[in-house]
Amino acid sequence: MCESPASSFRPAIFLDRDGTLNRQVIRDGKPYPPGTLAEFELFPGVPEACANLAAAGFVLVVATNQPDVGRGTQSASVVESMHAELRRLIPAIAHIEVCYAPGQGVEHPENYRRKPAPGMLTDAALLLGLDLSRSWMIGDRWRDIDCGQRAGVRTVFIDFGYDEALRAPPTHTVRTFTEAAAVILAAR
């Protein structure tokens, strides 16, 4: 029996970075990325939960907006140093998609990739041979949930009680990344 090309595609877990894998900085009820590598700190249990997801057959892909680079308030080298540290701490990460588009209504060639647009997910799916219909997005902001839905993946929202509302309902809501991983593993 011949295997169809679609059946060879692998499922993925798309991971937001700040507030999902690493601690976010909260100011006035809103989350922000760490400003320096020294501030970059993973949440407890994240490396182990990622290893469990990878062992279950998921390809781990970080999909992160980093608009401060596009706005000129953070350097790309600082972001890349955080990504190097992320890869060191979580070797199960297969790929990192990053969008530097500044947002705030600014025209930019990468806007199709800036969450809530699904471009980072669809680009990674094409590059890595991923099956979006069997994939998930984990994030802590409405943009992550909308992005996942627009890409056709199931979503897990990590609820920190930010001063912002979701625009679409997630598939699941949890309080921590380790809970998010457990929900996905139980749904397999």
N, C-alpha and C. Protein backbone atom coordinates (compact mmCIF):
# COMPACT_ATOMS: atom_id res chain seq x y z
N MET A 1 0.84 -1.17 0.00
CA MET A 1 0.00 0.00 0.00
C MET A 1 0.89 1.24 0.00
N CYS A 2 0.56 2.21 -0.81
CA CYS A 2 1.35 3.42 -0.95
C CYS A 2 0.88 4.47 0.07
N GLU A 3 1.82 5.08 0.77
CA GLU A 3 1.48 6.11 1.74
C GLU A 3 1.24 7.42 1.01
N SER A 4 0.13 8.10 1.34
CA SER A 4 -0.16 9.37 0.68
C SER A 4 0.81 10.42 1.20
N PRO A 5 1.12 11.44 0.38
CA PRO A 5 2.05 12.47 0.82
C PRO A 5 1.56 13.17 2.09
N ALA A 6 0.26 13.40 2.22
CA ALA A 6 -0.27 14.10 3.39
C ALA A 6 -0.03 13.31 4.67
N SER A 7 -0.04 11.99 4.60
CA SER A 7 0.12 11.20 5.82
C SER A 7 1.56 11.23 6.34
N SER A 8 2.50 11.70 5.52
CA SER A 8 3.88 11.78 5.97
C SER A 8 4.16 13.11 6.69
N PHE A 9 3.21 14.04 6.63
CA PHE A 9 3.39 15.29 7.35
C PHE A 9 3.28 15.05 8.85
N ARG A 10 4.06 15.78 9.61
CA ARG A 10 4.12 15.58 11.07
C ARG A 10 3.31 16.64 11.80
N PRO A 11 2.75 16.30 12.96
CA PRO A 11 2.05 17.31 13.75
C PRO A 11 3.06 18.19 14.49
N ALA A 12 2.64 19.40 14.78
CA ALA A 12 3.53 20.35 15.46
C ALA A 12 2.86 20.97 16.67
N ILE A 13 3.68 21.47 17.55
CA ILE A 13 3.24 22.35 18.61
C ILE A 13 3.91 23.69 18.31
N PHE A 14 3.09 24.70 18.01
CA PHE A 14 3.59 26.05 17.81
C PHE A 14 3.56 26.74 19.17
N LEU A 15 4.66 27.32 19.55
CA LEU A 15 4.84 27.88 20.88
C LEU A 15 5.11 29.38 20.80
N ASP A 16 4.27 30.16 21.45
CA ASP A 16 4.63 31.55 21.67
C ASP A 16 5.85 31.55 22.58
N ARG A 17 6.59 32.63 22.61
CA ARG A 17 7.79 32.67 23.45
C ARG A 17 7.50 33.35 24.78
N ASP A 18 7.34 34.67 24.78
CA ASP A 18 7.20 35.44 26.02
C ASP A 18 5.84 35.20 26.66
N GLY A 19 5.85 34.76 27.93
CA GLY A 19 4.61 34.47 28.64
C GLY A 19 4.13 33.06 28.44
N THR A 20 4.82 32.32 27.59
CA THR A 20 4.48 30.92 27.35
C THR A 20 5.64 30.04 27.79
N LEU A 21 6.80 30.25 27.18
CA LEU A 21 8.00 29.49 27.55
C LEU A 21 8.81 30.21 28.63
N ASN A 22 8.93 31.52 28.49
CA ASN A 22 9.71 32.31 29.44
C ASN A 22 8.83 33.35 30.13
N ARG A 23 9.33 33.79 31.27
CA ARG A 23 8.60 34.80 32.06
C ARG A 23 8.51 36.11 31.28
N GLN A 24 7.34 36.68 31.32
CA GLN A 24 7.10 37.97 30.73
C GLN A 24 7.28 39.06 31.79
N VAL A 25 7.44 40.29 31.35
CA VAL A 25 7.51 41.44 32.24
C VAL A 25 6.13 42.08 32.22
N ILE A 26 5.50 42.26 33.40
CA ILE A 26 4.16 42.83 33.48
C ILE A 26 4.26 44.29 33.91
N ARG A 27 3.66 45.17 33.10
CA ARG A 27 3.56 46.60 33.43
C ARG A 27 2.13 47.04 33.16
N ASP A 28 1.49 47.60 34.19
CA ASP A 28 0.12 48.09 34.06
C ASP A 28 -0.83 47.02 33.54
N GLY A 29 -0.64 45.77 34.01
CA GLY A 29 -1.53 44.68 33.63
C GLY A 29 -1.30 44.13 32.24
N LYS A 30 -0.26 44.58 31.57
CA LYS A 30 0.04 44.11 30.21
C LYS A 30 1.41 43.44 30.17
N PRO A 31 1.55 42.38 29.36
CA PRO A 31 2.82 41.66 29.28
C PRO A 31 3.77 42.25 28.24
N TYR A 32 5.06 42.18 28.57
CA TYR A 32 6.12 42.65 27.67
C TYR A 32 7.24 41.62 27.68
N PRO A 33 8.05 41.59 26.61
CA PRO A 33 9.18 40.66 26.59
C PRO A 33 10.30 41.13 27.51
N PRO A 34 11.17 40.21 27.92
CA PRO A 34 12.34 40.65 28.68
C PRO A 34 13.20 41.56 27.80
N GLY A 35 13.84 42.53 28.44
CA GLY A 35 14.65 43.49 27.69
C GLY A 35 16.08 43.06 27.46
N THR A 36 16.55 42.12 28.30
CA THR A 36 17.95 41.69 28.21
C THR A 36 18.03 40.18 28.39
N LEU A 37 19.14 39.62 28.00
CA LEU A 37 19.36 38.18 28.20
C LEU A 37 19.34 37.84 29.68
N ALA A 38 19.82 38.73 30.53
CA ALA A 38 19.83 38.49 31.97
C ALA A 38 18.41 38.35 32.53
N GLU A 39 17.43 38.99 31.89
CA GLU A 39 16.03 38.90 32.32
C GLU A 39 15.30 37.69 31.75
N PHE A 40 15.94 36.99 30.83
CA PHE A 40 15.31 35.86 30.14
C PHE A 40 15.34 34.63 31.05
N GLU A 41 14.16 34.17 31.49
CA GLU A 41 14.06 33.04 32.42
C GLU A 41 12.86 32.17 32.04
N LEU A 42 13.10 30.88 31.87
CA LEU A 42 12.02 29.95 31.56
C LEU A 42 11.12 29.74 32.77
N PHE A 43 9.86 29.41 32.49
CA PHE A 43 8.96 29.00 33.55
C PHE A 43 9.38 27.61 34.03
N PRO A 44 9.10 27.27 35.28
CA PRO A 44 9.42 25.93 35.79
C PRO A 44 8.72 24.84 34.98
N GLY A 45 9.45 23.76 34.71
CA GLY A 45 8.88 22.60 34.03
C GLY A 45 8.81 22.69 32.52
N VAL A 46 9.16 23.84 31.94
CA VAL A 46 9.05 24.01 30.48
C VAL A 46 9.96 23.05 29.71
N PRO A 47 11.26 22.92 30.05
CA PRO A 47 12.10 22.00 29.27
C PRO A 47 11.58 20.56 29.30
N GLU A 48 11.14 20.11 30.48
CA GLU A 48 10.64 18.73 30.61
C GLU A 48 9.34 18.54 29.82
N ALA A 49 8.43 19.51 29.90
CA ALA A 49 7.17 19.41 29.16
C ALA A 49 7.43 19.42 27.65
N CYS A 50 8.38 20.24 27.20
CA CYS A 50 8.73 20.25 25.77
C CYS A 50 9.33 18.92 25.34
N ALA A 51 10.18 18.35 26.18
CA ALA A 51 10.76 17.04 25.87
C ALA A 51 9.67 15.99 25.75
N ASN A 52 8.66 16.04 26.62
CA ASN A 52 7.54 15.09 26.56
C ASN A 52 6.73 15.26 25.28
N LEU A 53 6.49 16.49 24.87
CA LEU A 53 5.76 16.73 23.62
C LEU A 53 6.55 16.22 22.42
N ALA A 54 7.85 16.48 22.40
CA ALA A 54 8.69 16.00 21.30
C ALA A 54 8.72 14.47 21.28
N ALA A 55 8.81 13.86 22.45
CA ALA A 55 8.84 12.39 22.53
C ALA A 55 7.53 11.77 22.04
N ALA A 56 6.44 12.54 22.13
CA ALA A 56 5.14 12.06 21.65
C ALA A 56 4.99 12.25 20.15
N GLY A 57 6.02 12.78 19.48
CA GLY A 57 5.99 12.89 18.02
C GLY A 57 5.69 14.27 17.47
N PHE A 58 5.59 15.28 18.33
CA PHE A 58 5.33 16.63 17.86
C PHE A 58 6.63 17.35 17.52
N VAL A 59 6.60 18.13 16.44
CA VAL A 59 7.70 19.01 16.08
C VAL A 59 7.45 20.33 16.82
N LEU A 60 8.43 20.80 17.58
CA LEU A 60 8.26 22.02 18.35
C LEU A 60 8.80 23.21 17.57
N VAL A 61 7.91 24.21 17.37
CA VAL A 61 8.25 25.40 16.61
C VAL A 61 7.85 26.63 17.43
N VAL A 62 8.81 27.47 17.72
CA VAL A 62 8.52 28.74 18.38
C VAL A 62 8.08 29.72 17.31
N ALA A 63 6.97 30.43 17.58
CA ALA A 63 6.46 31.47 16.67
C ALA A 63 6.27 32.73 17.51
N THR A 64 7.16 33.70 17.33
CA THR A 64 7.17 34.86 18.21
C THR A 64 7.22 36.18 17.46
N ASN A 65 6.30 37.07 17.84
CA ASN A 65 6.38 38.46 17.39
C ASN A 65 7.43 39.15 18.26
N GLN A 66 8.32 39.88 17.64
CA GLN A 66 9.29 40.69 18.37
C GLN A 66 9.28 42.10 17.76
N PRO A 67 8.13 42.81 17.90
CA PRO A 67 7.97 44.10 17.23
C PRO A 67 8.91 45.19 17.74
N ASP A 68 9.48 45.03 18.94
CA ASP A 68 10.39 46.06 19.44
C ASP A 68 11.61 46.21 18.55
N VAL A 69 12.00 45.13 17.87
CA VAL A 69 13.12 45.23 16.93
C VAL A 69 12.71 46.12 15.76
N GLY A 70 11.52 45.88 15.21
CA GLY A 70 11.03 46.71 14.11
C GLY A 70 10.81 48.16 14.50
N ARG A 71 10.51 48.38 15.76
CA ARG A 71 10.30 49.75 16.26
C ARG A 71 11.61 50.42 16.65
N GLY A 72 12.70 49.64 16.69
CA GLY A 72 14.00 50.20 17.03
C GLY A 72 14.26 50.35 18.51
N THR A 73 13.44 49.71 19.36
CA THR A 73 13.64 49.83 20.80
C THR A 73 14.35 48.62 21.40
N GLN A 74 14.63 47.60 20.58
CA GLN A 74 15.42 46.46 21.01
C GLN A 74 16.22 45.97 19.80
N SER A 75 17.43 45.49 20.04
CA SER A 75 18.25 45.04 18.92
C SER A 75 17.94 43.59 18.57
N ALA A 76 18.09 43.26 17.30
CA ALA A 76 17.91 41.89 16.85
C ALA A 76 18.94 40.97 17.51
N SER A 77 20.12 41.50 17.82
CA SER A 77 21.16 40.66 18.44
C SER A 77 20.74 40.22 19.85
N VAL A 78 20.03 41.07 20.59
CA VAL A 78 19.54 40.68 21.91
C VAL A 78 18.50 39.58 21.77
N VAL A 79 17.58 39.73 20.83
CA VAL A 79 16.56 38.71 20.59
C VAL A 79 17.22 37.40 20.18
N GLU A 80 18.19 37.46 19.30
CA GLU A 80 18.87 36.24 18.85
C GLU A 80 19.66 35.59 19.98
N SER A 81 20.21 36.38 20.90
CA SER A 81 20.90 35.79 22.05
C SER A 81 19.90 35.05 22.93
N MET A 82 18.68 35.59 23.06
CA MET A 82 17.63 34.89 23.81
C MET A 82 17.25 33.59 23.11
N HIS A 83 17.20 33.62 21.79
CA HIS A 83 16.86 32.40 21.05
C HIS A 83 17.96 31.35 21.16
N ALA A 84 19.20 31.79 21.19
CA ALA A 84 20.29 30.83 21.40
C ALA A 84 20.18 30.19 22.77
N GLU A 85 19.85 30.97 23.78
CA GLU A 85 19.67 30.45 25.13
C GLU A 85 18.46 29.51 25.18
N LEU A 86 17.40 29.88 24.48
CA LEU A 86 16.20 29.04 24.42
C LEU A 86 16.53 27.67 23.81
N ARG A 87 17.29 27.66 22.74
CA ARG A 87 17.70 26.39 22.12
C ARG A 87 18.60 25.57 23.04
N ARG A 88 19.44 26.25 23.80
CA ARG A 88 20.32 25.55 24.74
C ARG A 88 19.49 24.90 25.86
N LEU A 89 18.52 25.64 26.38
CA LEU A 89 17.72 25.15 27.49
C LEU A 89 16.66 24.13 27.07
N ILE A 90 16.20 24.26 25.82
CA ILE A 90 15.16 23.35 25.29
C ILE A 90 15.64 22.78 23.96
N PRO A 91 16.49 21.76 24.00
CA PRO A 91 17.02 21.21 22.75
C PRO A 91 15.96 20.57 21.86
N ALA A 92 14.78 20.31 22.39
CA ALA A 92 13.71 19.71 21.60
C ALA A 92 13.11 20.68 20.58
N ILE A 93 13.41 21.98 20.69
CA ILE A 93 12.88 22.95 19.73
C ILE A 93 13.53 22.70 18.38
N ALA A 94 12.69 22.47 17.38
CA ALA A 94 13.18 22.17 16.04
C ALA A 94 13.44 23.43 15.21
N HIS A 95 12.67 24.50 15.49
CA HIS A 95 12.73 25.68 14.62
C HIS A 95 12.18 26.88 15.36
N ILE A 96 12.71 28.06 15.06
CA ILE A 96 12.18 29.31 15.61
C ILE A 96 11.80 30.22 14.46
N GLU A 97 10.54 30.62 14.43
CA GLU A 97 10.04 31.62 13.48
C GLU A 97 9.91 32.92 14.26
N VAL A 98 10.47 34.00 13.75
CA VAL A 98 10.38 35.29 14.43
C VAL A 98 9.94 36.34 13.43
N CYS A 99 9.03 37.21 13.88
CA CYS A 99 8.57 38.32 13.04
C CYS A 99 8.95 39.62 13.72
N TYR A 100 9.70 40.45 13.01
CA TYR A 100 10.15 41.73 13.55
C TYR A 100 9.26 42.90 13.12
N ALA A 101 8.18 42.64 12.38
CA ALA A 101 7.30 43.72 11.93
C ALA A 101 6.83 44.53 13.14
N PRO A 102 6.87 45.86 13.04
CA PRO A 102 6.59 46.69 14.21
C PRO A 102 5.12 46.77 14.62
N GLY A 103 4.20 46.41 13.74
CA GLY A 103 2.78 46.50 14.09
C GLY A 103 2.33 47.94 14.18
N GLN A 104 1.31 48.19 14.98
CA GLN A 104 0.76 49.53 15.19
C GLN A 104 0.36 50.20 13.88
N GLY A 105 -0.19 49.43 12.95
CA GLY A 105 -0.67 49.98 11.70
C GLY A 105 0.41 50.34 10.69
N VAL A 106 1.65 50.01 10.97
CA VAL A 106 2.75 50.32 10.07
C VAL A 106 2.80 49.29 8.94
N GLU A 107 2.87 49.76 7.70
CA GLU A 107 3.02 48.85 6.57
C GLU A 107 4.41 48.23 6.62
N HIS A 108 4.45 46.92 6.49
CA HIS A 108 5.72 46.21 6.58
C HIS A 108 5.59 44.93 5.76
N PRO A 109 6.62 44.53 5.01
CA PRO A 109 6.52 43.33 4.17
C PRO A 109 6.27 42.03 4.95
N GLU A 110 6.58 42.01 6.26
CA GLU A 110 6.37 40.80 7.06
C GLU A 110 5.03 40.78 7.78
N ASN A 111 4.13 41.72 7.52
CA ASN A 111 2.87 41.77 8.26
C ASN A 111 2.06 40.48 8.13
N TYR A 112 2.18 39.76 7.01
CA TYR A 112 1.44 38.50 6.85
C TYR A 112 1.93 37.44 7.85
N ARG A 113 3.11 37.67 8.43
CA ARG A 113 3.68 36.74 9.41
C ARG A 113 3.40 37.17 10.85
N ARG A 114 3.03 38.40 11.07
CA ARG A 114 2.86 38.93 12.42
C ARG A 114 1.54 38.44 13.01
N LYS A 115 1.64 37.72 14.14
CA LYS A 115 0.43 37.25 14.80
C LYS A 115 -0.44 38.46 15.13
N PRO A 116 -1.72 38.39 14.84
CA PRO A 116 -2.58 37.22 14.67
C PRO A 116 -2.62 36.62 13.27
N ALA A 117 -1.93 37.20 12.29
CA ALA A 117 -1.87 36.56 10.97
C ALA A 117 -1.16 35.21 11.11
N PRO A 118 -1.52 34.24 10.29
CA PRO A 118 -0.97 32.88 10.44
C PRO A 118 0.33 32.62 9.69
N GLY A 119 0.97 33.64 9.14
CA GLY A 119 2.12 33.43 8.26
C GLY A 119 3.28 32.65 8.85
N MET A 120 3.62 32.89 10.12
CA MET A 120 4.74 32.14 10.70
C MET A 120 4.42 30.65 10.77
N LEU A 121 3.16 30.32 11.07
CA LEU A 121 2.75 28.91 11.17
C LEU A 121 2.73 28.27 9.79
N THR A 122 2.17 28.96 8.82
CA THR A 122 2.09 28.37 7.47
C THR A 122 3.47 28.28 6.83
N ASP A 123 4.33 29.28 7.08
CA ASP A 123 5.70 29.22 6.56
C ASP A 123 6.44 28.01 7.15
N ALA A 124 6.32 27.82 8.47
CA ALA A 124 6.99 26.69 9.13
C ALA A 124 6.42 25.36 8.63
N ALA A 125 5.12 25.31 8.41
CA ALA A 125 4.49 24.08 7.93
C ALA A 125 5.05 23.69 6.56
N LEU A 126 5.22 24.66 5.68
CA LEU A 126 5.79 24.38 4.36
C LEU A 126 7.26 23.98 4.47
N LEU A 127 8.01 24.68 5.28
CA LEU A 127 9.44 24.42 5.43
C LEU A 127 9.72 23.06 6.04
N LEU A 128 8.93 22.69 7.05
CA LEU A 128 9.23 21.49 7.84
C LEU A 128 8.32 20.29 7.53
N GLY A 129 7.38 20.43 6.61
CA GLY A 129 6.47 19.33 6.29
C GLY A 129 5.53 19.01 7.44
N LEU A 130 4.80 20.02 7.92
CA LEU A 130 3.94 19.85 9.08
C LEU A 130 2.48 19.73 8.68
N ASP A 131 1.74 18.97 9.44
CA ASP A 131 0.30 18.78 9.24
C ASP A 131 -0.43 19.71 10.19
N LEU A 132 -0.94 20.82 9.68
CA LEU A 132 -1.61 21.79 10.54
C LEU A 132 -2.88 21.21 11.16
N SER A 133 -3.54 20.29 10.48
CA SER A 133 -4.79 19.74 11.01
C SER A 133 -4.58 18.90 12.27
N ARG A 134 -3.34 18.47 12.52
CA ARG A 134 -3.03 17.69 13.73
C ARG A 134 -2.15 18.48 14.70
N SER A 135 -2.08 19.78 14.50
CA SER A 135 -1.16 20.62 15.26
C SER A 135 -1.89 21.50 16.26
N TRP A 136 -1.09 22.13 17.13
CA TRP A 136 -1.58 22.97 18.22
C TRP A 136 -0.78 24.26 18.30
N MET A 137 -1.40 25.30 18.87
CA MET A 137 -0.72 26.56 19.20
C MET A 137 -0.93 26.80 20.68
N ILE A 138 0.15 27.08 21.41
CA ILE A 138 0.08 27.43 22.84
C ILE A 138 0.54 28.88 22.98
N GLY A 139 -0.29 29.69 23.65
CA GLY A 139 0.09 31.08 23.86
C GLY A 139 -0.67 31.73 24.99
N ASP A 140 -0.24 32.93 25.32
CA ASP A 140 -0.82 33.67 26.45
C ASP A 140 -1.51 34.97 26.05
N ARG A 141 -1.68 35.21 24.76
CA ARG A 141 -2.31 36.45 24.28
C ARG A 141 -3.36 36.11 23.24
N TRP A 142 -4.29 37.04 23.05
CA TRP A 142 -5.33 36.84 22.05
C TRP A 142 -4.74 36.63 20.66
N ARG A 143 -3.62 37.28 20.36
CA ARG A 143 -2.98 37.15 19.05
C ARG A 143 -2.56 35.70 18.77
N ASP A 144 -2.11 35.01 19.81
CA ASP A 144 -1.69 33.61 19.65
C ASP A 144 -2.90 32.73 19.30
N ILE A 145 -4.00 32.96 20.01
CA ILE A 145 -5.20 32.15 19.79
C ILE A 145 -5.77 32.43 18.41
N ASP A 146 -5.89 33.70 18.03
CA ASP A 146 -6.39 34.04 16.70
C ASP A 146 -5.49 33.49 15.61
N CYS A 147 -4.18 33.58 15.80
CA CYS A 147 -3.22 33.05 14.83
C CYS A 147 -3.43 31.56 14.64
N GLY A 148 -3.50 30.83 15.74
CA GLY A 148 -3.72 29.39 15.65
C GLY A 148 -5.00 29.04 14.92
N GLN A 149 -6.07 29.74 15.26
CA GLN A 149 -7.35 29.45 14.59
C GLN A 149 -7.27 29.76 13.11
N ARG A 150 -6.65 30.86 12.74
CA ARG A 150 -6.52 31.22 11.32
C ARG A 150 -5.68 30.20 10.55
N ALA A 151 -4.75 29.54 11.25
CA ALA A 151 -3.91 28.52 10.60
C ALA A 151 -4.58 27.14 10.62
N GLY A 152 -5.71 27.01 11.32
CA GLY A 152 -6.42 25.73 11.36
C GLY A 152 -5.88 24.74 12.38
N VAL A 153 -5.24 25.26 13.46
CA VAL A 153 -4.73 24.38 14.51
C VAL A 153 -5.57 24.56 15.77
N ARG A 154 -5.53 23.57 16.64
CA ARG A 154 -6.18 23.70 17.94
C ARG A 154 -5.34 24.62 18.83
N THR A 155 -5.97 25.25 19.80
CA THR A 155 -5.29 26.25 20.59
C THR A 155 -5.42 25.98 22.09
N VAL A 156 -4.35 26.33 22.81
CA VAL A 156 -4.35 26.28 24.27
C VAL A 156 -3.91 27.66 24.76
N PHE A 157 -4.79 28.27 25.55
CA PHE A 157 -4.55 29.60 26.10
C PHE A 157 -4.06 29.48 27.53
N ILE A 158 -2.90 30.08 27.82
CA ILE A 158 -2.40 30.15 29.19
C ILE A 158 -2.90 31.48 29.77
N ASP A 159 -3.80 31.39 30.72
CA ASP A 159 -4.49 32.57 31.25
C ASP A 159 -3.76 33.15 32.46
N PHE A 160 -3.15 34.31 32.26
CA PHE A 160 -2.48 35.03 33.34
C PHE A 160 -3.33 36.18 33.87
N GLY A 161 -4.55 36.33 33.35
CA GLY A 161 -5.42 37.41 33.80
C GLY A 161 -4.98 38.79 33.35
N TYR A 162 -4.36 38.89 32.18
CA TYR A 162 -3.93 40.18 31.65
C TYR A 162 -5.13 41.11 31.47
N ASP A 163 -4.83 42.38 31.37
CA ASP A 163 -5.84 43.39 31.12
C ASP A 163 -6.09 43.50 29.61
N GLU A 164 -6.52 42.40 29.02
CA GLU A 164 -6.90 42.37 27.60
C GLU A 164 -7.81 41.16 27.40
N ALA A 165 -8.74 41.30 26.50
CA ALA A 165 -9.73 40.24 26.28
C ALA A 165 -9.34 39.37 25.09
N LEU A 166 -9.75 38.11 25.17
CA LEU A 166 -9.62 37.23 24.01
C LEU A 166 -10.63 37.68 22.97
N ARG A 167 -10.32 37.45 21.71
CA ARG A 167 -11.24 37.79 20.63
C ARG A 167 -11.95 36.55 20.10
N ALA A 168 -11.36 35.40 20.33
CA ALA A 168 -11.95 34.13 19.91
C ALA A 168 -11.72 33.11 21.02
N PRO A 169 -12.64 32.17 21.18
CA PRO A 169 -12.45 31.19 22.25
C PRO A 169 -11.38 30.16 21.89
N PRO A 170 -10.47 29.87 22.83
CA PRO A 170 -9.46 28.83 22.59
C PRO A 170 -10.09 27.44 22.72
N THR A 171 -9.40 26.45 22.23
CA THR A 171 -9.84 25.06 22.39
C THR A 171 -9.79 24.67 23.86
N HIS A 172 -8.73 25.10 24.56
CA HIS A 172 -8.54 24.82 25.99
C HIS A 172 -7.95 26.05 26.66
N THR A 173 -8.23 26.21 27.95
CA THR A 173 -7.63 27.26 28.77
C THR A 173 -6.98 26.61 29.98
N VAL A 174 -5.75 27.02 30.28
CA VAL A 174 -4.99 26.47 31.41
C VAL A 174 -4.30 27.61 32.13
N ARG A 175 -3.59 27.29 33.22
CA ARG A 175 -2.87 28.29 34.01
C ARG A 175 -1.35 28.25 33.81
N THR A 176 -0.82 27.11 33.31
CA THR A 176 0.63 26.97 33.16
C THR A 176 0.98 26.22 31.88
N PHE A 177 2.23 26.33 31.49
CA PHE A 177 2.69 25.59 30.30
C PHE A 177 2.63 24.09 30.53
N THR A 178 2.98 23.64 31.72
CA THR A 178 2.95 22.19 31.97
C THR A 178 1.52 21.66 31.88
N GLU A 179 0.52 22.45 32.29
CA GLU A 179 -0.88 22.05 32.11
C GLU A 179 -1.23 21.99 30.63
N ALA A 180 -0.73 22.95 29.86
CA ALA A 180 -0.99 22.96 28.42
C ALA A 180 -0.45 21.69 27.76
N ALA A 181 0.77 21.31 28.11
CA ALA A 181 1.37 20.09 27.55
C ALA A 181 0.55 18.88 27.94
N ALA A 182 0.10 18.82 29.18
CA ALA A 182 -0.70 17.68 29.64
C ALA A 182 -2.02 17.58 28.89
N VAL A 183 -2.66 18.71 28.60
CA VAL A 183 -3.92 18.72 27.84
C VAL A 183 -3.68 18.14 26.45
N ILE A 184 -2.60 18.57 25.81
CA ILE A 184 -2.30 18.10 24.46
C ILE A 184 -1.97 16.62 24.45
N LEU A 185 -1.17 16.18 25.39
CA LEU A 185 -0.81 14.75 25.45
C LEU A 185 -2.03 13.90 25.73
N ALA A 186 -2.96 14.38 26.54
CA ALA A 186 -4.18 13.61 26.84
C ALA A 186 -5.13 13.55 25.64
N ALA A 187 -5.04 14.55 24.75
CA ALA A 187 -5.93 14.62 23.59
C ALA A 187 -5.45 13.78 22.42
N ARG A 188 -4.24 13.24 22.50
CA ARG A 188 -3.68 12.44 21.39
C ARG A 188 -4.44 11.17 21.15
